[in-house]
Amino acid sequence: DIVGHNIVKYTRGNFPLAVSMIMWVSALFTSVIGNVANAAMVSKIIHFMIPSFEGLQTTTFWWALSMGSLLGGNITILASATNVVAINSATKAGCKISFGKFMKFGLVIAVQTLIAANIYLFFKYF
């Protein structure tokens, strides 16, 4: 509720900005706690925020959560189970990819795709 309240407060009712914040916050949280835990946590934030944006197409929040969780999963190895499996397979094949090296590339990819997703959400829903 605190995060949801602060997003509503910070955006001052600006719905497109609130949607963007959900996507970016979701990506950040995913990189630390993983996709599934993030989706469960941020969905509670969205449920808290929806009444503040009554009458608007609040389903956009769910798209923002989905995109943020998915794309934020590229930032760190631990953000997605798929990453863990891929790194383990690479290690067994003799290709060592460190956490830092993965994050160096993953962060760049995530930021670029999150920007593209943000633009898509803006043109699709606003």
C-alpha atoms as a PDB file:
ATOM      1  CA  ASP A   1       0.000   0.000   0.000  1.00  0.00           C
ATOM      2  CA  ILE A   2       2.882   2.384   0.732  1.00  0.00           C
ATOM      3  CA  VAL A   3       4.364   1.985  -2.746  1.00  0.00           C
ATOM      4  CA  GLY A   4       0.949   2.310  -4.403  1.00  0.00           C
ATOM      5  CA  HIS A   5       0.124   5.371  -2.315  1.00  0.00           C
ATOM      6  CA  ASN A   6       3.457   6.982  -3.210  1.00  0.00           C
ATOM      7  CA  ILE A   7       3.000   6.287  -6.924  1.00  0.00           C
ATOM      8  CA  VAL A   8      -0.471   7.881  -6.850  1.00  0.00           C
ATOM      9  CA  LYS A   9       0.898  10.814  -4.832  1.00  0.00           C
ATOM     10  CA  TYR A  10       3.968  11.312  -7.029  1.00  0.00           C
ATOM     11  CA  THR A  11       2.033  11.110 -10.306  1.00  0.00           C
ATOM     12  CA  ARG A  12      -0.729  13.452  -9.044  1.00  0.00           C
ATOM     13  CA  GLY A  13      -3.336  11.526 -10.987  1.00  0.00           C
ATOM     14  CA  ASN A  14      -1.312  11.440 -14.205  1.00  0.00           C
ATOM     15  CA  PHE A  15      -2.426   8.049 -15.484  1.00  0.00           C
ATOM     16  CA  PRO A  16       0.202   7.558 -18.229  1.00  0.00           C
ATOM     17  CA  LEU A  17       2.951   8.397 -15.734  1.00  0.00           C
ATOM     18  CA  ALA A  18       1.488   5.971 -13.174  1.00  0.00           C
ATOM     19  CA  VAL A  19       1.401   3.202 -15.793  1.00  0.00           C
ATOM     20  CA  SER A  20       5.029   3.916 -16.714  1.00  0.00           C
ATOM     21  CA  MET A  21       6.042   3.847 -13.074  1.00  0.00           C
ATOM     22  CA  ILE A  22       4.355   0.472 -12.574  1.00  0.00           C
ATOM     23  CA  MET A  23       6.294  -0.936 -15.516  1.00  0.00           C
ATOM     24  CA  TRP A  24       9.677   0.443 -14.398  1.00  0.00           C
ATOM     25  CA  VAL A  25       9.168  -0.387 -10.702  1.00  0.00           C
ATOM     26  CA  SER A  26       8.093  -3.876 -11.713  1.00  0.00           C
ATOM     27  CA  ALA A  27      11.240  -4.319 -13.820  1.00  0.00           C
ATOM     28  CA  LEU A  28      13.430  -3.158 -10.945  1.00  0.00           C
ATOM     29  CA  PHE A  29      11.718  -5.413  -8.399  1.00  0.00           C
ATOM     30  CA  THR A  30      11.881  -8.372 -10.804  1.00  0.00           C
ATOM     31  CA  SER A  31      15.640  -7.983 -11.164  1.00  0.00           C
ATOM     32  CA  VAL A  32      15.984  -8.434  -7.395  1.00  0.00           C
ATOM     33  CA  ILE A  33      13.217 -10.831  -6.323  1.00  0.00           C
ATOM     34  CA  GLY A  34      12.294 -12.641  -9.559  1.00  0.00           C
ATOM     35  CA  ASN A  35       9.298 -12.649 -11.901  1.00  0.00           C
ATOM     36  CA  VAL A  36       6.754 -14.595  -9.883  1.00  0.00           C
ATOM     37  CA  ALA A  37       7.295 -12.861  -6.534  1.00  0.00           C
ATOM     38  CA  ASN A  38       7.296  -9.499  -8.282  1.00  0.00           C
ATOM     39  CA  ALA A  39       4.034 -10.168 -10.110  1.00  0.00           C
ATOM     40  CA  ALA A  40       2.357 -11.185  -6.852  1.00  0.00           C
ATOM     41  CA  MET A  41       3.658  -8.124  -5.016  1.00  0.00           C
ATOM     42  CA  VAL A  42       2.992  -5.519  -7.714  1.00  0.00           C
ATOM     43  CA  SER A  43      -0.505  -6.885  -8.375  1.00  0.00           C
ATOM     44  CA  LYS A  44      -1.372  -5.854  -4.808  1.00  0.00           C
ATOM     45  CA  ILE A  45      -0.003  -2.373  -5.523  1.00  0.00           C
ATOM     46  CA  ILE A  46      -2.152  -2.159  -8.657  1.00  0.00           C
ATOM     47  CA  HIS A  47      -5.293  -3.242  -6.771  1.00  0.00           C
ATOM     48  CA  PHE A  48      -4.590  -0.425  -4.299  1.00  0.00           C
ATOM     49  CA  MET A  49      -4.115   2.130  -7.109  1.00  0.00           C
ATOM     50  CA  ILE A  50      -7.097   1.288  -9.336  1.00  0.00           C
ATOM     51  CA  PRO A  51      -9.715   3.268  -7.327  1.00  0.00           C
ATOM     52  CA  SER A  52      -7.569   6.410  -7.761  1.00  0.00           C
ATOM     53  CA  PHE A  53      -7.923   6.124 -11.533  1.00  0.00           C
ATOM     54  CA  GLU A  54     -11.604   5.228 -11.753  1.00  0.00           C
ATOM     55  CA  GLY A  55     -13.096   5.663 -15.203  1.00  0.00           C
ATOM     56  CA  LEU A  56      -9.789   5.125 -16.990  1.00  0.00           C
ATOM     57  CA  GLN A  57      -8.608   2.009 -18.801  1.00  0.00           C
ATOM     58  CA  THR A  58      -6.927   0.519 -15.737  1.00  0.00           C
ATOM     59  CA  THR A  59      -6.294  -2.760 -17.555  1.00  0.00           C
ATOM     60  CA  THR A  60      -3.234  -0.899 -18.845  1.00  0.00           C
ATOM     61  CA  PHE A  61      -1.684  -1.365 -15.384  1.00  0.00           C
ATOM     62  CA  TRP A  62      -1.759  -5.125 -15.918  1.00  0.00           C
ATOM     63  CA  TRP A  63       0.015  -4.795 -19.262  1.00  0.00           C
ATOM     64  CA  ALA A  64       2.622  -2.602 -17.589  1.00  0.00           C
ATOM     65  CA  LEU A  65       3.127  -5.215 -14.867  1.00  0.00           C
ATOM     66  CA  SER A  66       3.458  -7.985 -17.433  1.00  0.00           C
ATOM     67  CA  MET A  67       5.961  -6.064 -19.538  1.00  0.00           C
ATOM     68  CA  GLY A  68       7.972  -4.881 -16.542  1.00  0.00           C
ATOM     69  CA  SER A  69       8.166  -8.376 -15.069  1.00  0.00           C
ATOM     70  CA  LEU A  70       9.090  -9.980 -18.354  1.00  0.00           C
ATOM     71  CA  LEU A  71      11.666  -7.439 -19.492  1.00  0.00           C
ATOM     72  CA  GLY A  72      13.093  -6.841 -16.018  1.00  0.00           C
ATOM     73  CA  GLY A  73      13.844 -10.553 -15.987  1.00  0.00           C
ATOM     74  CA  ASN A  74      16.731  -9.817 -18.345  1.00  0.00           C
ATOM     75  CA  ILE A  75      18.625  -7.677 -15.831  1.00  0.00           C
ATOM     76  CA  THR A  76      20.077 -10.320 -13.496  1.00  0.00           C
ATOM     77  CA  ILE A  77      20.614 -14.064 -13.522  1.00  0.00           C
ATOM     78  CA  LEU A  78      18.311 -14.540 -10.533  1.00  0.00           C
ATOM     79  CA  ALA A  79      15.453 -12.510 -12.039  1.00  0.00           C
ATOM     80  CA  SER A  80      14.179 -15.449 -14.044  1.00  0.00           C
ATOM     81  CA  ALA A  81      14.355 -19.214 -13.679  1.00  0.00           C
ATOM     82  CA  THR A  82      15.142 -19.366 -17.392  1.00  0.00           C
ATOM     83  CA  ASN A  83      18.293 -17.331 -16.806  1.00  0.00           C
ATOM     84  CA  VAL A  84      19.430 -19.694 -14.052  1.00  0.00           C
ATOM     85  CA  VAL A  85      18.913 -22.722 -16.310  1.00  0.00           C
ATOM     86  CA  ALA A  86      20.745 -21.043 -19.206  1.00  0.00           C
ATOM     87  CA  ILE A  87      23.712 -20.031 -17.029  1.00  0.00           C
ATOM     88  CA  ASN A  88      23.955 -23.534 -15.547  1.00  0.00           C
ATOM     89  CA  SER A  89      23.879 -25.052 -19.035  1.00  0.00           C
ATOM     90  CA  ALA A  90      26.535 -22.612 -20.253  1.00  0.00           C
ATOM     91  CA  THR A  91      28.745 -23.413 -17.253  1.00  0.00           C
ATOM     92  CA  LYS A  92      28.445 -27.159 -17.903  1.00  0.00           C
ATOM     93  CA  ALA A  93      29.448 -26.506 -21.517  1.00  0.00           C
ATOM     94  CA  GLY A  94      32.566 -24.662 -20.331  1.00  0.00           C
ATOM     95  CA  CYS A  95      31.316 -21.111 -20.815  1.00  0.00           C
ATOM     96  CA  LYS A  96      31.517 -19.218 -17.524  1.00  0.00           C
ATOM     97  CA  ILE A  97      29.250 -16.153 -17.356  1.00  0.00           C
ATOM     98  CA  SER A  98      29.608 -14.161 -14.157  1.00  0.00           C
ATOM     99  CA  PHE A  99      26.772 -12.327 -12.430  1.00  0.00           C
ATOM    100  CA  GLY A 100      28.407  -8.995 -13.317  1.00  0.00           C
ATOM    101  CA  LYS A 101      28.958  -9.855 -16.973  1.00  0.00           C
ATOM    102  CA  PHE A 102      25.362 -11.060 -17.300  1.00  0.00           C
ATOM    103  CA  MET A 103      24.071  -7.887 -15.661  1.00  0.00           C
ATOM    104  CA  LYS A 104      26.280  -5.675 -17.846  1.00  0.00           C
ATOM    105  CA  PHE A 105      24.571  -6.977 -20.972  1.00  0.00           C
ATOM    106  CA  GLY A 106      21.191  -7.709 -19.417  1.00  0.00           C
ATOM    107  CA  LEU A 107      20.729  -4.189 -18.073  1.00  0.00           C
ATOM    108  CA  VAL A 108      21.415  -2.629 -21.478  1.00  0.00           C
ATOM    109  CA  ILE A 109      18.973  -4.988 -23.174  1.00  0.00           C
ATOM    110  CA  ALA A 110      16.348  -4.482 -20.468  1.00  0.00           C
ATOM    111  CA  VAL A 111      16.528  -0.681 -20.573  1.00  0.00           C
ATOM    112  CA  GLN A 112      16.247  -0.618 -24.369  1.00  0.00           C
ATOM    113  CA  THR A 113      13.291  -2.989 -24.448  1.00  0.00           C
ATOM    114  CA  LEU A 114      11.589  -1.241 -21.516  1.00  0.00           C
ATOM    115  CA  ILE A 115      11.846   2.074 -23.375  1.00  0.00           C
ATOM    116  CA  ALA A 116      10.289   0.425 -26.438  1.00  0.00           C
ATOM    117  CA  ALA A 117       7.544  -1.102 -24.267  1.00  0.00           C
ATOM    118  CA  ASN A 118       6.879   2.262 -22.629  1.00  0.00           C
ATOM    119  CA  ILE A 119       6.500   3.903 -26.051  1.00  0.00           C
ATOM    120  CA  TYR A 120       4.207   1.079 -27.162  1.00  0.00           C
ATOM    121  CA  LEU A 121       1.987   1.454 -24.079  1.00  0.00           C
ATOM    122  CA  PHE A 122       1.793   5.204 -24.602  1.00  0.00           C
ATOM    123  CA  PHE A 123       0.716   4.978 -28.251  1.00  0.00           C
ATOM    124  CA  LYS A 124      -1.569   1.992 -27.703  1.00  0.00           C
ATOM    125  CA  TYR A 125      -3.493   3.305 -24.680  1.00  0.00           C
ATOM    126  CA  PHE A 126      -3.101   7.071 -24.542  1.00  0.00           C
END
